[in-house]
PDB file of N, CA and C in Angstrom:
ATOM      1  N   UNK A   1       0.841  -1.182   0.000  1.00  0.00           N
ATOM      2  CA  UNK A   1       0.000   0.000   0.000  1.00  0.00           C
ATOM      3  C   UNK A   1       0.888   1.248   0.000  1.00  0.00           C
ATOM      4  N   UNK A   2       0.650   2.151  -0.921  1.00  0.00           N
ATOM      5  CA  UNK A   2       1.456   3.358  -1.056  1.00  0.00           C
ATOM      6  C   UNK A   2       1.001   4.421  -0.064  1.00  0.00           C
ATOM      7  N   UNK A   3       1.974   5.130   0.513  1.00  0.00           N
ATOM      8  CA  UNK A   3       1.657   6.241   1.413  1.00  0.00           C
ATOM      9  C   UNK A   3       1.904   7.578   0.718  1.00  0.00           C
ATOM     10  N   UNK A   4       2.198   7.540  -0.583  1.00  0.00           N
ATOM     11  CA  UNK A   4       2.453   8.761  -1.338  1.00  0.00           C
ATOM     12  C   UNK A   4       1.176   9.590  -1.432  1.00  0.00           C
ATOM     13  N   UNK A   5       1.318  10.879  -1.172  1.00  0.00           N
ATOM     14  CA  UNK A   5       0.196  11.803  -1.264  1.00  0.00           C
ATOM     15  C   UNK A   5      -0.086  12.059  -2.744  1.00  0.00           C
ATOM     16  N   UNK A   6      -1.363  11.993  -3.161  1.00  0.00           N
ATOM     17  CA  UNK A   6      -1.682  12.309  -4.556  1.00  0.00           C
ATOM     18  C   UNK A   6      -1.159  13.702  -4.919  1.00  0.00           C
ATOM     19  N   UNK A   7      -0.659  13.852  -6.144  1.00  0.00           N
ATOM     20  CA  UNK A   7      -0.010  15.096  -6.549  1.00  0.00           C
ATOM     21  C   UNK A   7      -0.933  16.302  -6.406  1.00  0.00           C
ATOM     22  N   UNK A   8      -2.190  16.160  -6.775  1.00  0.00           N
ATOM     23  CA  UNK A   8      -3.143  17.272  -6.650  1.00  0.00           C
ATOM     24  C   UNK A   8      -3.250  17.731  -5.196  1.00  0.00           C
ATOM     25  N   UNK A   9      -3.274  16.785  -4.274  1.00  0.00           N
ATOM     26  CA  UNK A   9      -3.345  17.110  -2.850  1.00  0.00           C
ATOM     27  C   UNK A   9      -2.051  17.794  -2.390  1.00  0.00           C
ATOM     28  N   UNK A  10      -0.923  17.359  -2.906  1.00  0.00           N
ATOM     29  CA  UNK A  10       0.362  17.964  -2.575  1.00  0.00           C
ATOM     30  C   UNK A  10       0.401  19.427  -3.018  1.00  0.00           C
ATOM     31  N   UNK A  11      -0.106  19.703  -4.206  1.00  0.00           N
ATOM     32  CA  UNK A  11      -0.188  21.085  -4.698  1.00  0.00           C
ATOM     33  C   UNK A  11      -1.083  21.911  -3.780  1.00  0.00           C
ATOM     34  N   UNK A  12      -2.268  21.382  -3.455  1.00  0.00           N
ATOM     35  CA  UNK A  12      -3.201  22.107  -2.585  1.00  0.00           C
ATOM     36  C   UNK A  12      -2.572  22.415  -1.231  1.00  0.00           C
ATOM     37  N   UNK A  13      -1.888  21.438  -0.641  1.00  0.00           N
ATOM     38  CA  UNK A  13      -1.228  21.639   0.655  1.00  0.00           C
ATOM     39  C   UNK A  13      -0.156  22.721   0.560  1.00  0.00           C
ATOM     40  N   UNK A  14       0.581  22.715  -0.530  1.00  0.00           N
ATOM     41  CA  UNK A  14       1.657  23.694  -0.709  1.00  0.00           C
ATOM     42  C   UNK A  14       1.103  25.100  -0.878  1.00  0.00           C
ATOM     43  N   UNK A  15       0.079  25.257  -1.708  1.00  0.00           N
ATOM     44  CA  UNK A  15      -0.514  26.580  -1.900  1.00  0.00           C
ATOM     45  C   UNK A  15      -1.116  27.099  -0.601  1.00  0.00           C
ATOM     46  N   UNK A  16      -1.743  26.231   0.172  1.00  0.00           N
ATOM     47  CA  UNK A  16      -2.286  26.623   1.472  1.00  0.00           C
ATOM     48  C   UNK A  16      -1.165  27.036   2.424  1.00  0.00           C
ATOM     49  N   UNK A  17      -0.055  26.315   2.408  1.00  0.00           N
ATOM     50  CA  UNK A  17       1.088  26.651   3.263  1.00  0.00           C
ATOM     51  C   UNK A  17       1.659  28.022   2.892  1.00  0.00           C
ATOM     52  N   UNK A  18       1.683  28.341   1.604  1.00  0.00           N
ATOM     53  CA  UNK A  18       2.153  29.663   1.167  1.00  0.00           C
ATOM     54  C   UNK A  18       1.207  30.743   1.673  1.00  0.00           C
ATOM     55  N   UNK A  19      -0.103  30.521   1.523  1.00  0.00           N
ATOM     56  CA  UNK A  19      -1.090  31.491   2.014  1.00  0.00           C
ATOM     57  C   UNK A  19      -0.960  31.680   3.520  1.00  0.00           C
ATOM     58  N   UNK A  20      -0.810  30.576   4.257  1.00  0.00           N
ATOM     59  CA  UNK A  20      -0.664  30.649   5.714  1.00  0.00           C
ATOM     60  C   UNK A  20       0.598  31.412   6.106  1.00  0.00           C
ATOM     61  N   UNK A  21       1.699  31.160   5.395  1.00  0.00           N
ATOM     62  CA  UNK A  21       2.959  31.844   5.695  1.00  0.00           C
ATOM     63  C   UNK A  21       2.837  33.344   5.448  1.00  0.00           C
ATOM     64  N   UNK A  22       2.147  33.725   4.389  1.00  0.00           N
ATOM     65  CA  UNK A  22       1.936  35.146   4.116  1.00  0.00           C
ATOM     66  C   UNK A  22       1.048  35.781   5.175  1.00  0.00           C
ATOM     67  N   UNK A  23      -0.007  35.064   5.583  1.00  0.00           N
ATOM     68  CA  UNK A  23      -0.910  35.577   6.618  1.00  0.00           C
ATOM     69  C   UNK A  23      -0.190  35.762   7.948  1.00  0.00           C
ATOM     70  N   UNK A  24       0.754  34.867   8.249  1.00  0.00           N
ATOM     71  CA  UNK A  24       1.481  34.925   9.519  1.00  0.00           C
ATOM     72  C   UNK A  24       2.487  36.072   9.542  1.00  0.00           C
ATOM     73  N   UNK A  25       2.905  36.520   8.372  1.00  0.00           N
ATOM     74  CA  UNK A  25       3.878  37.609   8.290  1.00  0.00           C
ATOM     75  C   UNK A  25       3.179  38.943   8.176  1.00  0.00           C
ATOM     76  N   UNK A  26       3.974  39.985   8.191  1.00  0.00           N
ATOM     77  CA  UNK A  26       3.436  41.339   8.071  1.00  0.00           C
ATOM     78  C   UNK A  26       3.720  41.839   6.657  1.00  0.00           C
ATOM     79  N   UNK A  27       3.050  41.210   5.685  1.00  0.00           N
ATOM     80  CA  UNK A  27       3.306  41.500   4.279  1.00  0.00           C
ATOM     81  C   UNK A  27       2.071  42.155   3.671  1.00  0.00           C
ATOM     82  N   UNK A  28       2.288  43.273   2.983  1.00  0.00           N
ATOM     83  CA  UNK A  28       1.181  43.947   2.313  1.00  0.00           C
ATOM     84  C   UNK A  28       1.016  43.334   0.926  1.00  0.00           C
ATOM     85  N   UNK A  29       0.243  42.257   0.876  1.00  0.00           N
ATOM     86  CA  UNK A  29       0.027  41.541  -0.379  1.00  0.00           C
ATOM     87  C   UNK A  29      -1.392  40.992  -0.392  1.00  0.00           C
ATOM     88  N   UNK A  30      -2.032  41.095  -1.537  1.00  0.00           N
ATOM     89  CA  UNK A  30      -3.350  40.489  -1.710  1.00  0.00           C
ATOM     90  C   UNK A  30      -3.146  39.155  -2.403  1.00  0.00           C
ATOM     91  N   UNK A  31      -3.833  38.137  -1.914  1.00  0.00           N
ATOM     92  CA  UNK A  31      -3.725  36.834  -2.564  1.00  0.00           C
ATOM     93  C   UNK A  31      -5.102  36.370  -3.005  1.00  0.00           C
ATOM     94  N   UNK A  32      -5.120  35.694  -4.140  1.00  0.00           N
ATOM     95  CA  UNK A  32      -6.364  35.102  -4.618  1.00  0.00           C
ATOM     96  C   UNK A  32      -6.025  33.746  -5.206  1.00  0.00           C
ATOM     97  N   UNK A  33      -6.962  32.840  -5.048  1.00  0.00           N
ATOM     98  CA  UNK A  33      -6.720  31.479  -5.502  1.00  0.00           C
ATOM     99  C   UNK A  33      -7.878  31.003  -6.360  1.00  0.00           C
ATOM    100  N   UNK A  34      -7.521  30.349  -7.452  1.00  0.00           N
ATOM    101  CA  UNK A  34      -8.496  29.716  -8.326  1.00  0.00           C
ATOM    102  C   UNK A  34      -7.937  28.352  -8.693  1.00  0.00           C
ATOM    103  N   UNK A  35      -8.511  27.308  -8.105  1.00  0.00           N
ATOM    104  CA  UNK A  35      -8.012  25.954  -8.349  1.00  0.00           C
ATOM    105  C   UNK A  35      -6.573  25.815  -7.902  1.00  0.00           C
ATOM    106  N   UNK A  36      -5.705  25.449  -8.825  1.00  0.00           N
ATOM    107  CA  UNK A  36      -4.296  25.253  -8.496  1.00  0.00           C
ATOM    108  C   UNK A  36      -3.439  26.465  -8.862  1.00  0.00           C
ATOM    109  N   UNK A  37      -4.055  27.641  -8.902  1.00  0.00           N
ATOM    110  CA  UNK A  37      -3.327  28.873  -9.207  1.00  0.00           C
ATOM    111  C   UNK A  37      -3.487  29.850  -8.043  1.00  0.00           C
ATOM    112  N   UNK A  38      -2.354  30.283  -7.495  1.00  0.00           N
ATOM    113  CA  UNK A  38      -2.331  31.280  -6.426  1.00  0.00           C
ATOM    114  C   UNK A  38      -1.656  32.524  -6.982  1.00  0.00           C
ATOM    115  N   UNK A  39      -2.369  33.652  -6.936  1.00  0.00           N
ATOM    116  CA  UNK A  39      -1.826  34.917  -7.427  1.00  0.00           C
ATOM    117  C   UNK A  39      -1.616  35.853  -6.250  1.00  0.00           C
ATOM    118  N   UNK A  40      -0.407  36.384  -6.151  1.00  0.00           N
ATOM    119  CA  UNK A  40      -0.068  37.371  -5.131  1.00  0.00           C
ATOM    120  C   UNK A  40       0.085  38.711  -5.833  1.00  0.00           C
ATOM    121  N   UNK A  41      -0.651  39.723  -5.369  1.00  0.00           N
ATOM    122  CA  UNK A  41      -0.553  41.045  -5.978  1.00  0.00           C
ATOM    123  C   UNK A  41      -0.071  42.043  -4.938  1.00  0.00           C
ATOM    124  N   UNK A  42       0.918  42.830  -5.335  1.00  0.00           N
ATOM    125  CA  UNK A  42       1.563  43.765  -4.430  1.00  0.00           C
ATOM    126  C   UNK A  42       1.058  45.177  -4.660  1.00  0.00           C
ATOM    127  N   UNK A  43       1.366  46.057  -3.701  1.00  0.00           N
ATOM    128  CA  UNK A  43       0.889  47.433  -3.727  1.00  0.00           C
ATOM    129  C   UNK A  43       1.237  48.146  -5.038  1.00  0.00           C
ATOM    130  N   UNK A  44       2.393  47.815  -5.620  1.00  0.00           N
ATOM    131  CA  UNK A  44       2.827  48.471  -6.861  1.00  0.00           C
ATOM    132  C   UNK A  44       2.208  47.852  -8.116  1.00  0.00           C
ATOM    133  N   UNK A  45       1.313  46.869  -7.929  1.00  0.00           N
ATOM    134  CA  UNK A  45       0.647  46.224  -9.053  1.00  0.00           C
ATOM    135  C   UNK A  45       1.374  45.009  -9.602  1.00  0.00           C
ATOM    136  N   UNK A  46       2.589  44.756  -9.117  1.00  0.00           N
ATOM    137  CA  UNK A  46       3.320  43.575  -9.587  1.00  0.00           C
ATOM    138  C   UNK A  46       2.703  42.315  -8.993  1.00  0.00           C
ATOM    139  N   UNK A  47       3.001  41.188  -9.628  1.00  0.00           N
ATOM    140  CA  UNK A  47       2.392  39.923  -9.202  1.00  0.00           C
ATOM    141  C   UNK A  47       3.422  38.809  -9.136  1.00  0.00           C
ATOM    142  N   UNK A  48       3.104  37.820  -8.323  1.00  0.00           N
ATOM    143  CA  UNK A  48       3.771  36.522  -8.319  1.00  0.00           C
ATOM    144  C   UNK A  48       2.654  35.513  -8.541  1.00  0.00           C
ATOM    145  N   UNK A  49       2.813  34.661  -9.538  1.00  0.00           N
ATOM    146  CA  UNK A  49       1.798  33.651  -9.838  1.00  0.00           C
ATOM    147  C   UNK A  49       2.421  32.280  -9.627  1.00  0.00           C
ATOM    148  N   UNK A  50       1.756  31.468  -8.807  1.00  0.00           N
ATOM    149  CA  UNK A  50       2.227  30.123  -8.477  1.00  0.00           C
ATOM    150  C   UNK A  50       1.146  29.159  -8.932  1.00  0.00           C
ATOM    151  N   UNK A  51       1.513  28.211  -9.786  1.00  0.00           N
ATOM    152  CA  UNK A  51       0.475  27.275 -10.225  1.00  0.00           C
ATOM    153  C   UNK A  51       1.000  25.861 -10.375  1.00  0.00           C
ATOM    154  N   UNK A  52       0.121  24.930 -10.049  1.00  0.00           N
ATOM    155  CA  UNK A  52       0.442  23.519 -10.167  1.00  0.00           C
ATOM    156  C   UNK A  52       0.315  23.058 -11.603  1.00  0.00           C
ATOM    157  N   UNK A  53       1.257  22.251 -12.022  1.00  0.00           N
ATOM    158  CA  UNK A  53       1.253  21.667 -13.361  1.00  0.00           C
ATOM    159  C   UNK A  53       1.240  20.151 -13.196  1.00  0.00           C
ATOM    160  N   UNK A  54       0.029  19.615 -12.999  1.00  0.00           N
ATOM    161  CA  UNK A  54      -0.099  18.175 -12.744  1.00  0.00           C
ATOM    162  C   UNK A  54       0.531  17.300 -13.815  1.00  0.00           C
ATOM    163  N   UNK A  55       0.299  17.570 -15.108  1.00  0.00           N
ATOM    164  CA  UNK A  55       0.889  16.683 -16.122  1.00  0.00           C
ATOM    165  C   UNK A  55       2.420  16.633 -16.048  1.00  0.00           C
ATOM    166  N   UNK A  56       3.036  17.749 -15.662  1.00  0.00           N
ATOM    167  CA  UNK A  56       4.496  17.823 -15.557  1.00  0.00           C
ATOM    168  C   UNK A  56       4.992  17.439 -14.156  1.00  0.00           C
ATOM    169  N   UNK A  57       4.054  17.315 -13.213  1.00  0.00           N
ATOM    170  CA  UNK A  57       4.370  17.053 -11.803  1.00  0.00           C
ATOM    171  C   UNK A  57       5.308  18.130 -11.255  1.00  0.00           C
ATOM    172  N   UNK A  58       4.963  19.387 -11.584  1.00  0.00           N
ATOM    173  CA  UNK A  58       5.769  20.528 -11.163  1.00  0.00           C
ATOM    174  C   UNK A  58       4.883  21.634 -10.614  1.00  0.00           C
ATOM    175  N   UNK A  59       5.529  22.545  -9.912  1.00  0.00           N
ATOM    176  CA  UNK A  59       4.912  23.774  -9.438  1.00  0.00           C
ATOM    177  C   UNK A  59       5.659  24.897 -10.148  1.00  0.00           C
ATOM    178  N   UNK A  60       4.943  25.755 -10.857  1.00  0.00           N
ATOM    179  CA  UNK A  60       5.580  26.822 -11.621  1.00  0.00           C
ATOM    180  C   UNK A  60       5.362  28.150 -10.920  1.00  0.00           C
ATOM    181  N   UNK A  61       6.376  29.001 -10.962  1.00  0.00           N
ATOM    182  CA  UNK A  61       6.302  30.333 -10.374  1.00  0.00           C
ATOM    183  C   UNK A  61       6.725  31.349 -11.430  1.00  0.00           C
ATOM    184  N   UNK A  62       5.907  32.385 -11.596  1.00  0.00           N
ATOM    185  CA  UNK A  62       6.247  33.510 -12.465  1.00  0.00           C
ATOM    186  C   UNK A  62       6.285  34.761 -11.599  1.00  0.00           C
ATOM    187  N   UNK A  63       7.375  35.518 -11.719  1.00  0.00           N
ATOM    188  CA  UNK A  63       7.538  36.740 -10.935  1.00  0.00           C
ATOM    189  C   UNK A  63       8.485  37.669 -11.684  1.00  0.00           C
ATOM    190  N   UNK A  64       8.789  38.823 -11.104  1.00  0.00           N
ATOM    191  CA  UNK A  64       9.703  39.761 -11.762  1.00  0.00           C
ATOM    192  C   UNK A  64      11.058  39.124 -12.064  1.00  0.00           C
ATOM    193  N   UNK A  65      11.491  38.202 -11.212  1.00  0.00           N
ATOM    194  CA  UNK A  65      12.806  37.566 -11.384  1.00  0.00           C
ATOM    195  C   UNK A  65      12.825  36.576 -12.546  1.00  0.00           C
ATOM    196  N   UNK A  66      11.648  36.171 -13.032  1.00  0.00           N
ATOM    197  CA  UNK A  66      11.582  35.231 -14.147  1.00  0.00           C
ATOM    198  C   UNK A  66      10.574  34.126 -13.919  1.00  0.00           C
ATOM    199  N   UNK A  67      10.717  33.062 -14.683  1.00  0.00           N
ATOM    200  CA  UNK A  67       9.846  31.893 -14.564  1.00  0.00           C
ATOM    201  C   UNK A  67      10.646  30.716 -14.029  1.00  0.00           C
ATOM    202  N   UNK A  68      10.056  29.979 -13.098  1.00  0.00           N
ATOM    203  CA  UNK A  68      10.765  28.900 -12.415  1.00  0.00           C
ATOM    204  C   UNK A  68       9.882  27.666 -12.320  1.00  0.00           C
ATOM    205  N   UNK A  69      10.503  26.495 -12.408  1.00  0.00           N
ATOM    206  CA  UNK A  69       9.803  25.212 -12.319  1.00  0.00           C
ATOM    207  C   UNK A  69      10.370  24.441 -11.132  1.00  0.00           C
ATOM    208  N   UNK A  70       9.494  24.045 -10.228  1.00  0.00           N
ATOM    209  CA  UNK A  70       9.902  23.316  -9.029  1.00  0.00           C
ATOM    210  C   UNK A  70       9.377  21.891  -9.081  1.00  0.00           C
ATOM    211  N   UNK A  71      10.224  20.956  -8.670  1.00  0.00           N
ATOM    212  CA  UNK A  71       9.846  19.541  -8.572  1.00  0.00           C
ATOM    213  C   UNK A  71       9.909  19.120  -7.113  1.00  0.00           C
ATOM    214  N   UNK A  72       8.978  18.271  -6.720  1.00  0.00           N
ATOM    215  CA  UNK A  72       8.941  17.801  -5.334  1.00  0.00           C
ATOM    216  C   UNK A  72       9.938  16.661  -5.166  1.00  0.00           C
ATOM    217  N   UNK A  73      10.980  16.928  -4.368  1.00  0.00           N
ATOM    218  CA  UNK A  73      12.052  15.952  -4.143  1.00  0.00           C
ATOM    219  C   UNK A  73      12.405  15.926  -2.664  1.00  0.00           C
ATOM    220  N   UNK A  74      12.385  14.749  -2.074  1.00  0.00           N
ATOM    221  CA  UNK A  74      12.796  14.618  -0.680  1.00  0.00           C
ATOM    222  C   UNK A  74      12.001  15.474   0.284  1.00  0.00           C
ATOM    223  N   UNK A  75      10.718  15.668  -0.002  1.00  0.00           N
ATOM    224  CA  UNK A  75       9.860  16.438   0.895  1.00  0.00           C
ATOM    225  C   UNK A  75       9.915  17.941   0.687  1.00  0.00           C
ATOM    226  N   UNK A  76      10.650  18.405  -0.336  1.00  0.00           N
ATOM    227  CA  UNK A  76      10.753  19.837  -0.620  1.00  0.00           C
ATOM    228  C   UNK A  76      10.516  20.085  -2.102  1.00  0.00           C
ATOM    229  N   UNK A  77      10.129  21.312  -2.409  1.00  0.00           N
ATOM    230  CA  UNK A  77      10.016  21.744  -3.801  1.00  0.00           C
ATOM    231  C   UNK A  77      11.339  22.395  -4.177  1.00  0.00           C
ATOM    232  N   UNK A  78      12.038  21.811  -5.160  1.00  0.00           N
ATOM    233  CA  UNK A  78      13.359  22.274  -5.572  1.00  0.00           C
ATOM    234  C   UNK A  78      13.298  22.754  -7.023  1.00  0.00           C
ATOM    235  N   UNK A  79      13.886  23.930  -7.287  1.00  0.00           N
ATOM    236  CA  UNK A  79      13.904  24.477  -8.640  1.00  0.00           C
ATOM    237  C   UNK A  79      14.713  23.582  -9.569  1.00  0.00           C
ATOM    238  N   UNK A  80      14.183  23.350 -10.743  1.00  0.00           N
ATOM    239  CA  UNK A  80      14.823  22.441 -11.701  1.00  0.00           C
ATOM    240  C   UNK A  80      16.105  23.012 -12.302  1.00  0.00           C
ATOM    241  N   UNK A  81      16.333  24.314 -12.131  1.00  0.00           N
ATOM    242  CA  UNK A  81      17.543  24.931 -12.684  1.00  0.00           C
ATOM    243  C   UNK A  81      18.456  25.501 -11.601  1.00  0.00           C
ATOM    244  N   UNK A  82      18.289  25.022 -10.379  1.00  0.00           N
ATOM    245  CA  UNK A  82      19.234  25.369  -9.325  1.00  0.00           C
ATOM    246  C   UNK A  82      18.991  26.642  -8.541  1.00  0.00           C
ATOM    247  N   UNK A  83      17.808  27.251  -8.641  1.00  0.00           N
ATOM    248  CA  UNK A  83      17.539  28.480  -7.882  1.00  0.00           C
ATOM    249  C   UNK A  83      17.361  28.205  -6.390  1.00  0.00           C
ATOM    250  N   UNK A  84      17.034  26.955  -6.016  1.00  0.00           N
ATOM    251  CA  UNK A  84      16.897  26.618  -4.605  1.00  0.00           C
ATOM    252  C   UNK A  84      15.527  26.066  -4.257  1.00  0.00           C
ATOM    253  N   UNK A  85      15.231  26.090  -2.966  1.00  0.00           N
ATOM    254  CA  UNK A  85      13.989  25.558  -2.405  1.00  0.00           C
ATOM    255  C   UNK A  85      12.886  26.612  -2.531  1.00  0.00           C
ATOM    256  N   UNK A  86      11.664  26.159  -2.751  1.00  0.00           N
ATOM    257  CA  UNK A  86      10.529  27.043  -3.034  1.00  0.00           C
ATOM    258  C   UNK A  86      10.348  28.157  -2.010  1.00  0.00           C
ATOM    259  N   UNK A  87      10.266  27.836  -0.726  1.00  0.00           N
ATOM    260  CA  UNK A  87       9.968  28.862   0.274  1.00  0.00           C
ATOM    261  C   UNK A  87      11.115  29.862   0.418  1.00  0.00           C
ATOM    262  N   UNK A  88      12.354  29.406   0.266  1.00  0.00           N
ATOM    263  CA  UNK A  88      13.499  30.323   0.292  1.00  0.00           C
ATOM    264  C   UNK A  88      13.436  31.272  -0.905  1.00  0.00           C
ATOM    265  N   UNK A  89      13.120  30.721  -2.069  1.00  0.00           N
ATOM    266  CA  UNK A  89      12.987  31.548  -3.276  1.00  0.00           C
ATOM    267  C   UNK A  89      11.842  32.545  -3.132  1.00  0.00           C
ATOM    268  N   UNK A  90      10.690  32.068  -2.670  1.00  0.00           N
ATOM    269  CA  UNK A  90       9.548  32.967  -2.492  1.00  0.00           C
ATOM    270  C   UNK A  90       9.869  34.077  -1.500  1.00  0.00           C
ATOM    271  N   UNK A  91      10.627  33.763  -0.457  1.00  0.00           N
ATOM    272  CA  UNK A  91      11.029  34.793   0.510  1.00  0.00           C
ATOM    273  C   UNK A  91      11.795  35.909  -0.197  1.00  0.00           C
ATOM    274  N   UNK A  92      12.737  35.545  -1.057  1.00  0.00           N
ATOM    275  CA  UNK A  92      13.520  36.551  -1.802  1.00  0.00           C
ATOM    276  C   UNK A  92      12.632  37.353  -2.743  1.00  0.00           C
ATOM    277  N   UNK A  93      11.803  36.642  -3.512  1.00  0.00           N
ATOM    278  CA  UNK A  93      10.995  37.317  -4.527  1.00  0.00           C
ATOM    279  C   UNK A  93       9.911  38.193  -3.915  1.00  0.00           C
ATOM    280  N   UNK A  94       9.249  37.708  -2.867  1.00  0.00           N
ATOM    281  CA  UNK A  94       8.212  38.507  -2.200  1.00  0.00           C
ATOM    282  C   UNK A  94       8.857  39.712  -1.520  1.00  0.00           C
ATOM    283  N   UNK A  95      10.029  39.530  -0.917  1.00  0.00           N
ATOM    284  CA  UNK A  95      10.751  40.659  -0.309  1.00  0.00           C
ATOM    285  C   UNK A  95      11.052  41.722  -1.360  1.00  0.00           C
ATOM    286  N   UNK A  96      11.553  41.292  -2.500  1.00  0.00           N
ATOM    287  CA  UNK A  96      11.910  42.230  -3.570  1.00  0.00           C
ATOM    288  C   UNK A  96      10.685  42.977  -4.088  1.00  0.00           C
ATOM    289  N   UNK A  97       9.592  42.270  -4.271  1.00  0.00           N
ATOM    290  CA  UNK A  97       8.407  42.899  -4.850  1.00  0.00           C
ATOM    291  C   UNK A  97       7.587  43.687  -3.843  1.00  0.00           C
ATOM    292  N   UNK A  98       7.685  43.350  -2.560  1.00  0.00           N
ATOM    293  CA  UNK A  98       6.927  44.090  -1.547  1.00  0.00           C
ATOM    294  C   UNK A  98       7.725  45.266  -0.999  1.00  0.00           C
ATOM    295  N   UNK A  99       9.056  45.213  -1.164  1.00  0.00           N
ATOM    296  CA  UNK A  99       9.901  46.273  -0.623  1.00  0.00           C
ATOM    297  C   UNK A  99      10.182  46.117   0.856  1.00  0.00           C
ATOM    298  N   UNK A 100       9.782  44.988   1.441  1.00  0.00           N
ATOM    299  CA  UNK A 100      10.009  44.714   2.864  1.00  0.00           C
ATOM    300  C   UNK A 100      10.600  43.324   3.006  1.00  0.00           C
ATOM    301  N   UNK A 101      11.493  43.139   3.990  1.00  0.00           N
ATOM    302  CA  UNK A 101      12.054  41.798   4.187  1.00  0.00           C
ATOM    303  C   UNK A 101      10.971  40.813   4.622  1.00  0.00           C
ATOM    304  N   UNK A 102      10.936  39.673   3.968  1.00  0.00           N
ATOM    305  CA  UNK A 102       9.926  38.653   4.250  1.00  0.00           C
ATOM    306  C   UNK A 102      10.628  37.309   4.363  1.00  0.00           C
ATOM    307  N   UNK A 103      10.266  36.544   5.378  1.00  0.00           N
ATOM    308  CA  UNK A 103      10.787  35.192   5.528  1.00  0.00           C
ATOM    309  C   UNK A 103       9.599  34.247   5.561  1.00  0.00           C
ATOM    310  N   UNK A 104       9.457  33.458   4.515  1.00  0.00           N
ATOM    311  CA  UNK A 104       8.367  32.486   4.433  1.00  0.00           C
ATOM    312  C   UNK A 104       8.927  31.102   4.712  1.00  0.00           C
ATOM    313  N   UNK A 105       8.196  30.322   5.472  1.00  0.00           N
ATOM    314  CA  UNK A 105       8.629  28.960   5.785  1.00  0.00           C
ATOM    315  C   UNK A 105       7.447  28.017   5.660  1.00  0.00           C
ATOM    316  N   UNK A 106       7.734  26.808   5.197  1.00  0.00           N
ATOM    317  CA  UNK A 106       6.694  25.780   5.122  1.00  0.00           C
ATOM    318  C   UNK A 106       6.305  25.391   6.529  1.00  0.00           C
ATOM    319  N   UNK A 107       5.044  25.060   6.707  1.00  0.00           N
ATOM    320  CA  UNK A 107       4.607  24.654   8.049  1.00  0.00           C
ATOM    321  C   UNK A 107       4.845  23.189   8.255  1.00  0.00           C
TER     322      UNK A 107
END
């Protein structure tokens, strides 16, 4: 019997963890979610879009810094081109776009 979490559920858990991390911090950002797409909008109108790509088994992020593809490996989302772990990357990108230091962590 497999204990692997279905990929769709893994995406949902991750997007919820991102929303929770933003709520726990003092970040001026509006978030909206539609299915497997989470959009973060900042005061200056810039956005970070995070969406699940089930067929590719990846989580994609689009932001001012560029487009990134994360794969779930060893319990973490790791960028396929070496940018690092998802929450560390989001901390940098959200900090840059919000103009305030932000530290996001998975729960």
